[in-house]
Amino acid sequence: MDTYLEELMKREDIHRVTDEAGNRYGIRVLGRGENLLFMENDKGLICTIDAEHGAIFTRSVKKWDSIEKKMSPKERKRVVGLIEQYYKVFYNRNVVLIDDY
């Protein structure tokens, strides 16, 4: 796993939540709001966003960076939905998904 991502995933200032099935999620806007850390259990990824305008660029969600595993189209759709869900909870209820950037 990339050392930078590993360090990010251990930070205390990540918004964390556990769903009813026991899955653990974490989300955190990084830097100047151009990237987002998203975690599901022990997997993590960094995707591209525009925090100022509440936009998530869905094409940047391609693989779990922590395990170097590319996502299937079905998995990608599921993960984008989770990112959208938790972004609305912690950052912006009016988030938009953009499939191009």
PDB file of N, CA and C in Angstrom:
ATOM      1  N   MET A   1       0.846  -1.168   0.000  1.00  0.00           N
ATOM      2  CA  MET A   1       0.000   0.000   0.000  1.00  0.00           C
ATOM      3  C   MET A   1       0.897   1.238   0.000  1.00  0.00           C
ATOM      4  N   ASP A   2       0.477   2.251  -0.700  1.00  0.00           N
ATOM      5  CA  ASP A   2       1.170   3.527  -0.754  1.00  0.00           C
ATOM      6  C   ASP A   2       1.256   4.126   0.659  1.00  0.00           C
ATOM      7  N   THR A   3       2.440   4.584   1.029  1.00  0.00           N
ATOM      8  CA  THR A   3       2.659   5.125   2.367  1.00  0.00           C
ATOM      9  C   THR A   3       1.752   6.325   2.648  1.00  0.00           C
ATOM     10  N   TYR A   4       1.596   7.215   1.670  1.00  0.00           N
ATOM     11  CA  TYR A   4       0.735   8.385   1.842  1.00  0.00           C
ATOM     12  C   TYR A   4      -0.696   7.965   2.146  1.00  0.00           C
ATOM     13  N   LEU A   5      -1.230   7.043   1.364  1.00  0.00           N
ATOM     14  CA  LEU A   5      -2.596   6.566   1.584  1.00  0.00           C
ATOM     15  C   LEU A   5      -2.708   5.860   2.930  1.00  0.00           C
ATOM     16  N   GLU A   6      -1.714   5.086   3.268  1.00  0.00           N
ATOM     17  CA  GLU A   6      -1.703   4.376   4.542  1.00  0.00           C
ATOM     18  C   GLU A   6      -1.774   5.372   5.710  1.00  0.00           C
ATOM     19  N   GLU A   7      -1.003   6.435   5.625  1.00  0.00           N
ATOM     20  CA  GLU A   7      -1.018   7.468   6.667  1.00  0.00           C
ATOM     21  C   GLU A   7      -2.377   8.166   6.725  1.00  0.00           C
ATOM     22  N   LEU A   8      -2.943   8.479   5.563  1.00  0.00           N
ATOM     23  CA  LEU A   8      -4.251   9.134   5.532  1.00  0.00           C
ATOM     24  C   LEU A   8      -5.318   8.269   6.198  1.00  0.00           C
ATOM     25  N   MET A   9      -5.296   6.989   5.915  1.00  0.00           N
ATOM     26  CA  MET A   9      -6.318   6.093   6.432  1.00  0.00           C
ATOM     27  C   MET A   9      -6.253   5.936   7.950  1.00  0.00           C
ATOM     28  N   LYS A  10      -5.134   6.279   8.555  1.00  0.00           N
ATOM     29  CA  LYS A  10      -4.968   6.170  10.004  1.00  0.00           C
ATOM     30  C   LYS A  10      -5.311   7.466  10.736  1.00  0.00           C
ATOM     31  N   ARG A  11      -5.554   8.539   9.998  1.00  0.00           N
ATOM     32  CA  ARG A  11      -5.793   9.839  10.632  1.00  0.00           C
ATOM     33  C   ARG A  11      -7.053   9.827  11.489  1.00  0.00           C
ATOM     34  N   GLU A  12      -7.028  10.643  12.511  1.00  0.00           N
ATOM     35  CA  GLU A  12      -8.153  10.746  13.442  1.00  0.00           C
ATOM     36  C   GLU A  12      -9.232  11.706  12.953  1.00  0.00           C
ATOM     37  N   ASP A  13      -8.895  12.599  12.007  1.00  0.00           N
ATOM     38  CA  ASP A  13      -9.849  13.620  11.575  1.00  0.00           C
ATOM     39  C   ASP A  13     -10.704  13.196  10.383  1.00  0.00           C
ATOM     40  N   ILE A  14     -10.830  11.919  10.174  1.00  0.00           N
ATOM     41  CA  ILE A  14     -11.681  11.379   9.118  1.00  0.00           C
ATOM     42  C   ILE A  14     -13.087  11.184   9.675  1.00  0.00           C
ATOM     43  N   HIS A  15     -14.094  11.571   8.908  1.00  0.00           N
ATOM     44  CA  HIS A  15     -15.476  11.307   9.305  1.00  0.00           C
ATOM     45  C   HIS A  15     -15.712   9.811   9.145  1.00  0.00           C
ATOM     46  N   ARG A  16     -16.086   9.153  10.214  1.00  0.00           N
ATOM     47  CA  ARG A  16     -16.269   7.700  10.188  1.00  0.00           C
ATOM     48  C   ARG A  16     -17.682   7.334  10.601  1.00  0.00           C
ATOM     49  N   VAL A  17     -18.166   6.264   9.996  1.00  0.00           N
ATOM     50  CA  VAL A  17     -19.512   5.775  10.306  1.00  0.00           C
ATOM     51  C   VAL A  17     -19.525   4.262  10.092  1.00  0.00           C
ATOM     52  N   THR A  18     -20.355   3.574  10.845  1.00  0.00           N
ATOM     53  CA  THR A  18     -20.551   2.133  10.682  1.00  0.00           C
ATOM     54  C   THR A  18     -22.018   1.910  10.346  1.00  0.00           C
ATOM     55  N   ASP A  19     -22.269   1.155   9.258  1.00  0.00           N
ATOM     56  CA  ASP A  19     -23.655   0.913   8.866  1.00  0.00           C
ATOM     57  C   ASP A  19     -24.262  -0.233   9.668  1.00  0.00           C
ATOM     58  N   GLU A  20     -25.534  -0.509   9.415  1.00  0.00           N
ATOM     59  CA  GLU A  20     -26.253  -1.540  10.175  1.00  0.00           C
ATOM     60  C   GLU A  20     -25.695  -2.940   9.956  1.00  0.00           C
ATOM     61  N   ALA A  21     -24.973  -3.157   8.857  1.00  0.00           N
ATOM     62  CA  ALA A  21     -24.372  -4.464   8.589  1.00  0.00           C
ATOM     63  C   ALA A  21     -22.969  -4.592   9.195  1.00  0.00           C
ATOM     64  N   GLY A  22     -22.491  -3.523   9.829  1.00  0.00           N
ATOM     65  CA  GLY A  22     -21.173  -3.559  10.453  1.00  0.00           C
ATOM     66  C   GLY A  22     -20.039  -3.083   9.567  1.00  0.00           C
ATOM     67  N   ASN A  23     -20.340  -2.627   8.344  1.00  0.00           N
ATOM     68  CA  ASN A  23     -19.302  -2.091   7.459  1.00  0.00           C
ATOM     69  C   ASN A  23     -18.891  -0.712   7.952  1.00  0.00           C
ATOM     70  N   ARG A  24     -17.586  -0.460   7.932  1.00  0.00           N
ATOM     71  CA  ARG A  24     -17.048   0.815   8.397  1.00  0.00           C
ATOM     72  C   ARG A  24     -16.672   1.673   7.193  1.00  0.00           C
ATOM     73  N   TYR A  25     -17.082   2.938   7.222  1.00  0.00           N
ATOM     74  CA  TYR A  25     -16.783   3.873   6.139  1.00  0.00           C
ATOM     75  C   TYR A  25     -16.100   5.106   6.704  1.00  0.00           C
ATOM     76  N   GLY A  26     -15.251   5.703   5.877  1.00  0.00           N
ATOM     77  CA  GLY A  26     -14.593   6.943   6.247  1.00  0.00           C
ATOM     78  C   GLY A  26     -14.533   7.857   5.037  1.00  0.00           C
ATOM     79  N   ILE A  27     -14.626   9.166   5.291  1.00  0.00           N
ATOM     80  CA  ILE A  27     -14.597  10.130   4.195  1.00  0.00           C
ATOM     81  C   ILE A  27     -13.917  11.404   4.696  1.00  0.00           C
ATOM     82  N   ARG A  28     -13.102  12.005   3.822  1.00  0.00           N
ATOM     83  CA  ARG A  28     -12.397  13.231   4.195  1.00  0.00           C
ATOM     84  C   ARG A  28     -11.972  13.988   2.944  1.00  0.00           C
ATOM     85  N   VAL A  29     -12.355  15.268   2.868  1.00  0.00           N
ATOM     86  CA  VAL A  29     -11.870  16.139   1.796  1.00  0.00           C
ATOM     87  C   VAL A  29     -10.398  16.415   2.080  1.00  0.00           C
ATOM     88  N   LEU A  30      -9.578  16.320   1.038  1.00  0.00           N
ATOM     89  CA  LEU A  30      -8.141  16.500   1.203  1.00  0.00           C
ATOM     90  C   LEU A  30      -7.667  17.820   0.609  1.00  0.00           C
ATOM     91  N   GLY A  31      -6.608  18.351   1.188  1.00  0.00           N
ATOM     92  CA  GLY A  31      -5.949  19.534   0.650  1.00  0.00           C
ATOM     93  C   GLY A  31      -6.873  20.704   0.449  1.00  0.00           C
ATOM     94  N   ARG A  32      -6.862  21.235  -0.766  1.00  0.00           N
ATOM     95  CA  ARG A  32      -7.677  22.402  -1.112  1.00  0.00           C
ATOM     96  C   ARG A  32      -9.041  22.032  -1.659  1.00  0.00           C
ATOM     97  N   GLY A  33      -9.444  20.806  -1.450  1.00  0.00           N
ATOM     98  CA  GLY A  33     -10.771  20.384  -1.884  1.00  0.00           C
ATOM     99  C   GLY A  33     -10.811  19.822  -3.286  1.00  0.00           C
ATOM    100  N   GLU A  34      -9.662  19.353  -3.768  1.00  0.00           N
ATOM    101  CA  GLU A  34      -9.612  18.769  -5.111  1.00  0.00           C
ATOM    102  C   GLU A  34      -9.616  17.249  -5.081  1.00  0.00           C
ATOM    103  N   ASN A  35      -9.416  16.688  -3.901  1.00  0.00           N
ATOM    104  CA  ASN A  35      -9.396  15.234  -3.747  1.00  0.00           C
ATOM    105  C   ASN A  35     -10.185  14.822  -2.521  1.00  0.00           C
ATOM    106  N   LEU A  36     -10.614  13.576  -2.543  1.00  0.00           N
ATOM    107  CA  LEU A  36     -11.415  13.030  -1.461  1.00  0.00           C
ATOM    108  C   LEU A  36     -10.902  11.642  -1.117  1.00  0.00           C
ATOM    109  N   LEU A  37     -10.697  11.391   0.157  1.00  0.00           N
ATOM    110  CA  LEU A  37     -10.370  10.055   0.640  1.00  0.00           C
ATOM    111  C   LEU A  37     -11.676   9.362   0.984  1.00  0.00           C
ATOM    112  N   PHE A  38     -11.846   8.143   0.492  1.00  0.00           N
ATOM    113  CA  PHE A  38     -13.002   7.337   0.849  1.00  0.00           C
ATOM    114  C   PHE A  38     -12.502   5.971   1.275  1.00  0.00           C
ATOM    115  N   MET A  39     -13.039   5.474   2.384  1.00  0.00           N
ATOM    116  CA  MET A  39     -12.633   4.169   2.894  1.00  0.00           C
ATOM    117  C   MET A  39     -13.858   3.294   3.127  1.00  0.00           C
ATOM    118  N   GLU A  40     -13.673   2.015   2.819  1.00  0.00           N
ATOM    119  CA  GLU A  40     -14.686   1.015   3.145  1.00  0.00           C
ATOM    120  C   GLU A  40     -13.953  -0.132   3.827  1.00  0.00           C
ATOM    121  N   ASN A  41     -14.255  -0.333   5.095  1.00  0.00           N
ATOM    122  CA  ASN A  41     -13.552  -1.310   5.915  1.00  0.00           C
ATOM    123  C   ASN A  41     -12.045  -1.050   5.835  1.00  0.00           C
ATOM    124  N   ASP A  42     -11.257  -1.972   5.282  1.00  0.00           N
ATOM    125  CA  ASP A  42      -9.803  -1.778   5.219  1.00  0.00           C
ATOM    126  C   ASP A  42      -9.312  -1.310   3.855  1.00  0.00           C
ATOM    127  N   LYS A  43     -10.231  -0.989   2.945  1.00  0.00           N
ATOM    128  CA  LYS A  43      -9.864  -0.528   1.603  1.00  0.00           C
ATOM    129  C   LYS A  43     -10.020   0.983   1.528  1.00  0.00           C
ATOM    130  N   GLY A  44      -9.175   1.608   0.711  1.00  0.00           N
ATOM    131  CA  GLY A  44      -9.274   3.051   0.555  1.00  0.00           C
ATOM    132  C   GLY A  44      -8.974   3.498  -0.855  1.00  0.00           C
ATOM    133  N   LEU A  45      -9.471   4.680  -1.200  1.00  0.00           N
ATOM    134  CA  LEU A  45      -9.193   5.264  -2.504  1.00  0.00           C
ATOM    135  C   LEU A  45      -9.204   6.774  -2.385  1.00  0.00           C
ATOM    136  N   ILE A  46      -8.571   7.405  -3.347  1.00  0.00           N
ATOM    137  CA  ILE A  46      -8.596   8.855  -3.456  1.00  0.00           C
ATOM    138  C   ILE A  46      -9.199   9.178  -4.808  1.00  0.00           C
ATOM    139  N   CYS A  47     -10.248   9.992  -4.815  1.00  0.00           N
ATOM    140  CA  CYS A  47     -10.891  10.381  -6.065  1.00  0.00           C
ATOM    141  C   CYS A  47     -10.861  11.900  -6.206  1.00  0.00           C
ATOM    142  N   THR A  48     -11.209  12.374  -7.387  1.00  0.00           N
ATOM    143  CA  THR A  48     -11.175  13.791  -7.713  1.00  0.00           C
ATOM    144  C   THR A  48     -12.529  14.424  -7.451  1.00  0.00           C
ATOM    145  N   ILE A  49     -12.500  15.576  -6.792  1.00  0.00           N
ATOM    146  CA  ILE A  49     -13.730  16.318  -6.501  1.00  0.00           C
ATOM    147  C   ILE A  49     -13.481  17.809  -6.732  1.00  0.00           C
ATOM    148  N   ASP A  50     -14.532  18.569  -6.633  1.00  0.00           N
ATOM    149  CA  ASP A  50     -14.459  20.030  -6.576  1.00  0.00           C
ATOM    150  C   ASP A  50     -15.323  20.416  -5.378  1.00  0.00           C
ATOM    151  N   ALA A  51     -14.691  20.534  -4.218  1.00  0.00           N
ATOM    152  CA  ALA A  51     -15.436  20.780  -2.982  1.00  0.00           C
ATOM    153  C   ALA A  51     -16.168  22.115  -3.015  1.00  0.00           C
ATOM    154  N   GLU A  52     -15.591  23.097  -3.662  1.00  0.00           N
ATOM    155  CA  GLU A  52     -16.224  24.422  -3.720  1.00  0.00           C
ATOM    156  C   GLU A  52     -17.593  24.359  -4.385  1.00  0.00           C
ATOM    157  N   HIS A  53     -17.711  23.520  -5.406  1.00  0.00           N
ATOM    158  CA  HIS A  53     -18.962  23.402  -6.141  1.00  0.00           C
ATOM    159  C   HIS A  53     -19.735  22.122  -5.809  1.00  0.00           C
ATOM    160  N   GLY A  54     -19.252  21.354  -4.848  1.00  0.00           N
ATOM    161  CA  GLY A  54     -19.945  20.144  -4.428  1.00  0.00           C
ATOM    162  C   GLY A  54     -20.044  19.103  -5.516  1.00  0.00           C
ATOM    163  N   ALA A  55     -18.951  18.885  -6.251  1.00  0.00           N
ATOM    164  CA  ALA A  55     -18.963  17.947  -7.375  1.00  0.00           C
ATOM    165  C   ALA A  55     -18.004  16.787  -7.132  1.00  0.00           C
ATOM    166  N   ILE A  56     -18.440  15.603  -7.480  1.00  0.00           N
ATOM    167  CA  ILE A  56     -17.606  14.404  -7.449  1.00  0.00           C
ATOM    168  C   ILE A  56     -17.442  13.935  -8.888  1.00  0.00           C
ATOM    169  N   PHE A  57     -16.203  13.781  -9.325  1.00  0.00           N
ATOM    170  CA  PHE A  57     -15.916  13.331 -10.681  1.00  0.00           C
ATOM    171  C   PHE A  57     -15.840  11.805 -10.677  1.00  0.00           C
ATOM    172  N   THR A  58     -16.910  11.182 -11.133  1.00  0.00           N
ATOM    173  CA  THR A  58     -17.072   9.736 -10.985  1.00  0.00           C
ATOM    174  C   THR A  58     -16.053   8.919 -11.777  1.00  0.00           C
ATOM    175  N   ARG A  59     -15.537   9.466 -12.855  1.00  0.00           N
ATOM    176  CA  ARG A  59     -14.543   8.707 -13.634  1.00  0.00           C
ATOM    177  C   ARG A  59     -13.235   8.518 -12.889  1.00  0.00           C
ATOM    178  N   SER A  60     -13.028   9.297 -11.846  1.00  0.00           N
ATOM    179  CA  SER A  60     -11.798   9.142 -11.066  1.00  0.00           C
ATOM    180  C   SER A  60     -11.893   7.979 -10.079  1.00  0.00           C
ATOM    181  N   VAL A  61     -13.075   7.395  -9.938  1.00  0.00           N
ATOM    182  CA  VAL A  61     -13.258   6.212  -9.093  1.00  0.00           C
ATOM    183  C   VAL A  61     -13.064   4.998  -9.988  1.00  0.00           C
ATOM    184  N   LYS A  62     -11.857   4.441  -9.938  1.00  0.00           N
ATOM    185  CA  LYS A  62     -11.507   3.339 -10.839  1.00  0.00           C
ATOM    186  C   LYS A  62     -11.037   2.094 -10.116  1.00  0.00           C
ATOM    187  N   LYS A  63     -10.360   2.304  -8.986  1.00  0.00           N
ATOM    188  CA  LYS A  63      -9.773   1.163  -8.281  1.00  0.00           C
ATOM    189  C   LYS A  63      -9.624   1.493  -6.810  1.00  0.00           C
ATOM    190  N   TRP A  64      -9.493   0.461  -6.014  1.00  0.00           N
ATOM    191  CA  TRP A  64      -9.140   0.620  -4.611  1.00  0.00           C
ATOM    192  C   TRP A  64      -7.641   0.834  -4.577  1.00  0.00           C
ATOM    193  N   ASP A  65      -7.216   2.039  -4.281  1.00  0.00           N
ATOM    194  CA  ASP A  65      -5.794   2.367  -4.285  1.00  0.00           C
ATOM    195  C   ASP A  65      -5.007   1.576  -3.248  1.00  0.00           C
ATOM    196  N   SER A  66      -5.636   1.254  -2.140  1.00  0.00           N
ATOM    197  CA  SER A  66      -4.944   0.573  -1.055  1.00  0.00           C
ATOM    198  C   SER A  66      -4.588  -0.871  -1.394  1.00  0.00           C
ATOM    199  N   ILE A  67      -5.329  -1.484  -2.300  1.00  0.00           N
ATOM    200  CA  ILE A  67      -5.042  -2.883  -2.655  1.00  0.00           C
ATOM    201  C   ILE A  67      -4.775  -3.049  -4.147  1.00  0.00           C
ATOM    202  N   GLU A  68      -4.696  -1.931  -4.862  1.00  0.00           N
ATOM    203  CA  GLU A  68      -4.400  -1.951  -6.302  1.00  0.00           C
ATOM    204  C   GLU A  68      -5.345  -2.866  -7.069  1.00  0.00           C
ATOM    205  N   LYS A  69      -6.619  -2.855  -6.711  1.00  0.00           N
ATOM    206  CA  LYS A  69      -7.608  -3.704  -7.377  1.00  0.00           C
ATOM    207  C   LYS A  69      -8.567  -2.840  -8.172  1.00  0.00           C
ATOM    208  N   LYS A  70      -8.601  -3.054  -9.479  1.00  0.00           N
ATOM    209  CA  LYS A  70      -9.523  -2.336 -10.346  1.00  0.00           C
ATOM    210  C   LYS A  70     -10.951  -2.785 -10.058  1.00  0.00           C
ATOM    211  N   MET A  71     -11.869  -1.836 -10.126  1.00  0.00           N
ATOM    212  CA  MET A  71     -13.276  -2.134  -9.843  1.00  0.00           C
ATOM    213  C   MET A  71     -14.012  -2.563 -11.097  1.00  0.00           C
ATOM    214  N   SER A  72     -14.951  -3.464 -10.916  1.00  0.00           N
ATOM    215  CA  SER A  72     -15.867  -3.811 -12.000  1.00  0.00           C
ATOM    216  C   SER A  72     -16.852  -2.647 -12.141  1.00  0.00           C
ATOM    217  N   PRO A  73     -17.551  -2.552 -13.275  1.00  0.00           N
ATOM    218  CA  PRO A  73     -18.558  -1.486 -13.427  1.00  0.00           C
ATOM    219  C   PRO A  73     -19.613  -1.509 -12.315  1.00  0.00           C
ATOM    220  N   LYS A  74     -20.015  -2.701 -11.895  1.00  0.00           N
ATOM    221  CA  LYS A  74     -21.009  -2.830 -10.830  1.00  0.00           C
ATOM    222  C   LYS A  74     -20.444  -2.317  -9.499  1.00  0.00           C
ATOM    223  N   GLU A  75     -19.220  -2.699  -9.195  1.00  0.00           N
ATOM    224  CA  GLU A  75     -18.568  -2.260  -7.961  1.00  0.00           C
ATOM    225  C   GLU A  75     -18.366  -0.745  -7.973  1.00  0.00           C
ATOM    226  N   ARG A  76     -17.954  -0.208  -9.108  1.00  0.00           N
ATOM    227  CA  ARG A  76     -17.735   1.236  -9.245  1.00  0.00           C
ATOM    228  C   ARG A  76     -19.031   2.002  -8.980  1.00  0.00           C
ATOM    229  N   LYS A  77     -20.128   1.532  -9.542  1.00  0.00           N
ATOM    230  CA  LYS A  77     -21.424   2.180  -9.339  1.00  0.00           C
ATOM    231  C   LYS A  77     -21.818   2.147  -7.863  1.00  0.00           C
ATOM    232  N   ARG A  78     -21.588   1.021  -7.215  1.00  0.00           N
ATOM    233  CA  ARG A  78     -21.899   0.869  -5.794  1.00  0.00           C
ATOM    234  C   ARG A  78     -21.065   1.839  -4.950  1.00  0.00           C
ATOM    235  N   VAL A  79     -19.767   1.911  -5.235  1.00  0.00           N
ATOM    236  CA  VAL A  79     -18.863   2.769  -4.474  1.00  0.00           C
ATOM    237  C   VAL A  79     -19.186   4.247  -4.708  1.00  0.00           C
ATOM    238  N   VAL A  80     -19.456   4.624  -5.940  1.00  0.00           N
ATOM    239  CA  VAL A  80     -19.832   6.019  -6.225  1.00  0.00           C
ATOM    240  C   VAL A  80     -21.095   6.382  -5.444  1.00  0.00           C
ATOM    241  N   GLY A  81     -22.045   5.466  -5.362  1.00  0.00           N
ATOM    242  CA  GLY A  81     -23.255   5.707  -4.590  1.00  0.00           C
ATOM    243  C   GLY A  81     -22.966   5.910  -3.108  1.00  0.00           C
ATOM    244  N   LEU A  82     -22.034   5.133  -2.572  1.00  0.00           N
ATOM    245  CA  LEU A  82     -21.648   5.295  -1.170  1.00  0.00           C
ATOM    246  C   LEU A  82     -20.933   6.622  -0.939  1.00  0.00           C
ATOM    247  N   ILE A  83     -20.046   6.985  -1.852  1.00  0.00           N
ATOM    248  CA  ILE A  83     -19.346   8.266  -1.737  1.00  0.00           C
ATOM    249  C   ILE A  83     -20.359   9.402  -1.747  1.00  0.00           C
ATOM    250  N   GLU A  84     -21.301   9.347  -2.684  1.00  0.00           N
ATOM    251  CA  GLU A  84     -22.332  10.376  -2.764  1.00  0.00           C
ATOM    252  C   GLU A  84     -23.134  10.435  -1.462  1.00  0.00           C
ATOM    253  N   GLN A  85     -23.540   9.288  -0.963  1.00  0.00           N
ATOM    254  CA  GLN A  85     -24.341   9.209   0.257  1.00  0.00           C
ATOM    255  C   GLN A  85     -23.620   9.867   1.435  1.00  0.00           C
ATOM    256  N   TYR A  86     -22.369   9.501   1.658  1.00  0.00           N
ATOM    257  CA  TYR A  86     -21.656  10.020   2.817  1.00  0.00           C
ATOM    258  C   TYR A  86     -21.154  11.447   2.596  1.00  0.00           C
ATOM    259  N   TYR A  87     -20.922  11.842   1.366  1.00  0.00           N
ATOM    260  CA  TYR A  87     -20.554  13.232   1.087  1.00  0.00           C
ATOM    261  C   TYR A  87     -21.729  14.141   1.451  1.00  0.00           C
ATOM    262  N   LYS A  88     -22.936  13.686   1.143  1.00  0.00           N
ATOM    263  CA  LYS A  88     -24.135  14.457   1.497  1.00  0.00           C
ATOM    264  C   LYS A  88     -24.271  14.599   3.010  1.00  0.00           C
ATOM    265  N   VAL A  89     -23.947  13.571   3.744  1.00  0.00           N
ATOM    266  CA  VAL A  89     -24.074  13.597   5.199  1.00  0.00           C
ATOM    267  C   VAL A  89     -23.060  14.558   5.826  1.00  0.00           C
ATOM    268  N   PHE A  90     -21.810  14.505   5.382  1.00  0.00           N
ATOM    269  CA  PHE A  90     -20.750  15.234   6.068  1.00  0.00           C
ATOM    270  C   PHE A  90     -20.340  16.556   5.419  1.00  0.00           C
ATOM    271  N   TYR A  91     -20.641  16.753   4.136  1.00  0.00           N
ATOM    272  CA  TYR A  91     -20.128  17.944   3.468  1.00  0.00           C
ATOM    273  C   TYR A  91     -21.179  18.789   2.752  1.00  0.00           C
ATOM    274  N   ASN A  92     -21.943  18.212   1.847  1.00  0.00           N
ATOM    275  CA  ASN A  92     -22.823  19.033   1.024  1.00  0.00           C
ATOM    276  C   ASN A  92     -24.018  18.194   0.566  1.00  0.00           C
ATOM    277  N   ARG A  93     -25.199  18.558   1.034  1.00  0.00           N
ATOM    278  CA  ARG A  93     -26.410  17.817   0.658  1.00  0.00           C
ATOM    279  C   ARG A  93     -26.728  17.931  -0.825  1.00  0.00           C
ATOM    280  N   ASN A  94     -26.199  18.964  -1.478  1.00  0.00           N
ATOM    281  CA  ASN A  94     -26.496  19.201  -2.885  1.00  0.00           C
ATOM    282  C   ASN A  94     -25.386  18.728  -3.814  1.00  0.00           C
ATOM    283  N   VAL A  95     -24.653  17.721  -3.412  1.00  0.00           N
ATOM    284  CA  VAL A  95     -23.548  17.201  -4.221  1.00  0.00           C
ATOM    285  C   VAL A  95     -24.054  16.757  -5.596  1.00  0.00           C
ATOM    286  N   VAL A  96     -23.232  16.965  -6.612  1.00  0.00           N
ATOM    287  CA  VAL A  96     -23.560  16.502  -7.952  1.00  0.00           C
ATOM    288  C   VAL A  96     -22.485  15.531  -8.419  1.00  0.00           C
ATOM    289  N   LEU A  97     -22.910  14.555  -9.191  1.00  0.00           N
ATOM    290  CA  LEU A  97     -21.979  13.595  -9.776  1.00  0.00           C
ATOM    291  C   LEU A  97     -21.717  14.021 -11.204  1.00  0.00           C
ATOM    292  N   ILE A  98     -20.456  14.121 -11.565  1.00  0.00           N
ATOM    293  CA  ILE A  98     -20.067  14.511 -12.921  1.00  0.00           C
ATOM    294  C   ILE A  98     -19.270  13.359 -13.501  1.00  0.00           C
ATOM    295  N   ASP A  99     -19.719  12.853 -14.648  1.00  0.00           N
ATOM    296  CA  ASP A  99     -19.079  11.693 -15.260  1.00  0.00           C
ATOM    297  C   ASP A  99     -18.005  12.096 -16.263  1.00  0.00           C
ATOM    298  N   ASP A 100     -17.568  13.315 -16.224  1.00  0.00           N
ATOM    299  CA  ASP A 100     -16.529  13.791 -17.123  1.00  0.00           C
ATOM    300  C   ASP A 100     -15.710  14.854 -16.402  1.00  0.00           C
ATOM    301  N   TYR A 101     -14.444  14.940 -16.737  1.00  0.00           N
ATOM    302  CA  TYR A 101     -13.604  16.007 -16.158  1.00  0.00           C
ATOM    303  C   TYR A 101     -12.394  16.270 -16.995  1.00  0.00           C
TER     304      TYR A 101
END
